[in-house]
């Protein structure tokens, strides 16, 4: 995931702003981490550079 994506991402549940936490980076690519919504307190994982923005009830 590229950092510039943060400018357009919003929480899929409440449309709130997301806060990025990075645990692994490769150059300008975020490989692992999470996105957290301050408004509804949902957490969305980033794995293999792909943010999983499915609502929690739809994740497997």
C-alpha atoms as a PDB file:
ATOM      1  CA  UNK A   1       0.000   0.000   0.000  1.00  0.00           C
ATOM      2  CA  UNK A   2       1.323   3.455  -0.852  1.00  0.00           C
ATOM      3  CA  UNK A   3       1.192   6.228   1.771  1.00  0.00           C
ATOM      4  CA  UNK A   4      -0.610   8.532  -0.694  1.00  0.00           C
ATOM      5  CA  UNK A   5      -3.610   6.214  -0.437  1.00  0.00           C
ATOM      6  CA  UNK A   6      -4.233   7.634   3.053  1.00  0.00           C
ATOM      7  CA  UNK A   7      -5.521  10.830   1.396  1.00  0.00           C
ATOM      8  CA  UNK A   8      -8.523   9.001  -0.071  1.00  0.00           C
ATOM      9  CA  UNK A   9      -9.182   6.139   2.371  1.00  0.00           C
ATOM     10  CA  UNK A  10     -12.044   6.336   4.872  1.00  0.00           C
ATOM     11  CA  UNK A  11     -13.586   3.854   7.289  1.00  0.00           C
ATOM     12  CA  UNK A  12     -16.070   1.668   5.369  1.00  0.00           C
ATOM     13  CA  UNK A  13     -18.306   1.404   8.451  1.00  0.00           C
ATOM     14  CA  UNK A  14     -18.704   5.063   9.484  1.00  0.00           C
ATOM     15  CA  UNK A  15     -16.704   7.011   6.843  1.00  0.00           C
ATOM     16  CA  UNK A  16     -14.391   8.360   9.573  1.00  0.00           C
ATOM     17  CA  UNK A  17     -10.697   9.181   9.154  1.00  0.00           C
ATOM     18  CA  UNK A  18      -8.199   6.335   9.436  1.00  0.00           C
ATOM     19  CA  UNK A  19      -4.914   6.386  11.354  1.00  0.00           C
ATOM     20  CA  UNK A  20      -2.010   4.397   9.918  1.00  0.00           C
ATOM     21  CA  UNK A  21       0.277   2.176  12.008  1.00  0.00           C
ATOM     22  CA  UNK A  22       3.202   0.647  10.102  1.00  0.00           C
ATOM     23  CA  UNK A  23       4.966  -2.529  11.275  1.00  0.00           C
ATOM     24  CA  UNK A  24       6.870  -3.356   8.049  1.00  0.00           C
ATOM     25  CA  UNK A  25       7.877  -1.126   5.159  1.00  0.00           C
ATOM     26  CA  UNK A  26       9.757  -1.773   1.919  1.00  0.00           C
ATOM     27  CA  UNK A  27      10.889   1.509   0.392  1.00  0.00           C
ATOM     28  CA  UNK A  28       7.766   3.596  -0.127  1.00  0.00           C
ATOM     29  CA  UNK A  29       5.463   0.562   0.150  1.00  0.00           C
ATOM     30  CA  UNK A  30       3.707  -0.308   3.424  1.00  0.00           C
ATOM     31  CA  UNK A  31       3.836  -4.113   3.603  1.00  0.00           C
ATOM     32  CA  UNK A  32       2.301  -4.750   7.040  1.00  0.00           C
ATOM     33  CA  UNK A  33       0.452  -2.645   9.564  1.00  0.00           C
ATOM     34  CA  UNK A  34      -3.043  -1.508  10.360  1.00  0.00           C
ATOM     35  CA  UNK A  35      -5.568   1.240   9.800  1.00  0.00           C
ATOM     36  CA  UNK A  36      -7.621   2.340  12.783  1.00  0.00           C
ATOM     37  CA  UNK A  37     -10.793   4.421  12.794  1.00  0.00           C
ATOM     38  CA  UNK A  38     -10.896   6.842  15.722  1.00  0.00           C
ATOM     39  CA  UNK A  39     -14.653   7.409  15.308  1.00  0.00           C
ATOM     40  CA  UNK A  40     -15.926   3.810  15.584  1.00  0.00           C
ATOM     41  CA  UNK A  41     -12.717   2.123  16.850  1.00  0.00           C
ATOM     42  CA  UNK A  42     -12.601  -0.477  14.048  1.00  0.00           C
ATOM     43  CA  UNK A  43      -9.208  -1.848  13.044  1.00  0.00           C
ATOM     44  CA  UNK A  44      -8.301  -2.892   9.486  1.00  0.00           C
ATOM     45  CA  UNK A  45      -5.158  -4.981   8.867  1.00  0.00           C
ATOM     46  CA  UNK A  46      -2.623  -4.405   6.097  1.00  0.00           C
ATOM     47  CA  UNK A  47      -1.023  -7.674   4.951  1.00  0.00           C
ATOM     48  CA  UNK A  48       1.209  -8.216   1.920  1.00  0.00           C
ATOM     49  CA  UNK A  49       0.790  -4.498   1.078  1.00  0.00           C
ATOM     50  CA  UNK A  50      -3.013  -4.878   0.778  1.00  0.00           C
ATOM     51  CA  UNK A  51      -5.361  -3.099   3.206  1.00  0.00           C
ATOM     52  CA  UNK A  52      -8.337  -5.295   4.168  1.00  0.00           C
ATOM     53  CA  UNK A  53     -11.142  -2.749   4.324  1.00  0.00           C
ATOM     54  CA  UNK A  54     -13.967  -5.263   4.577  1.00  0.00           C
ATOM     55  CA  UNK A  55     -16.292  -4.599   7.526  1.00  0.00           C
ATOM     56  CA  UNK A  56     -15.409  -6.936  10.424  1.00  0.00           C
ATOM     57  CA  UNK A  57     -18.536  -9.045   9.934  1.00  0.00           C
ATOM     58  CA  UNK A  58     -17.449  -9.927   6.351  1.00  0.00           C
ATOM     59  CA  UNK A  59     -13.823 -10.885   7.047  1.00  0.00           C
ATOM     60  CA  UNK A  60     -12.890 -14.560   7.039  1.00  0.00           C
END
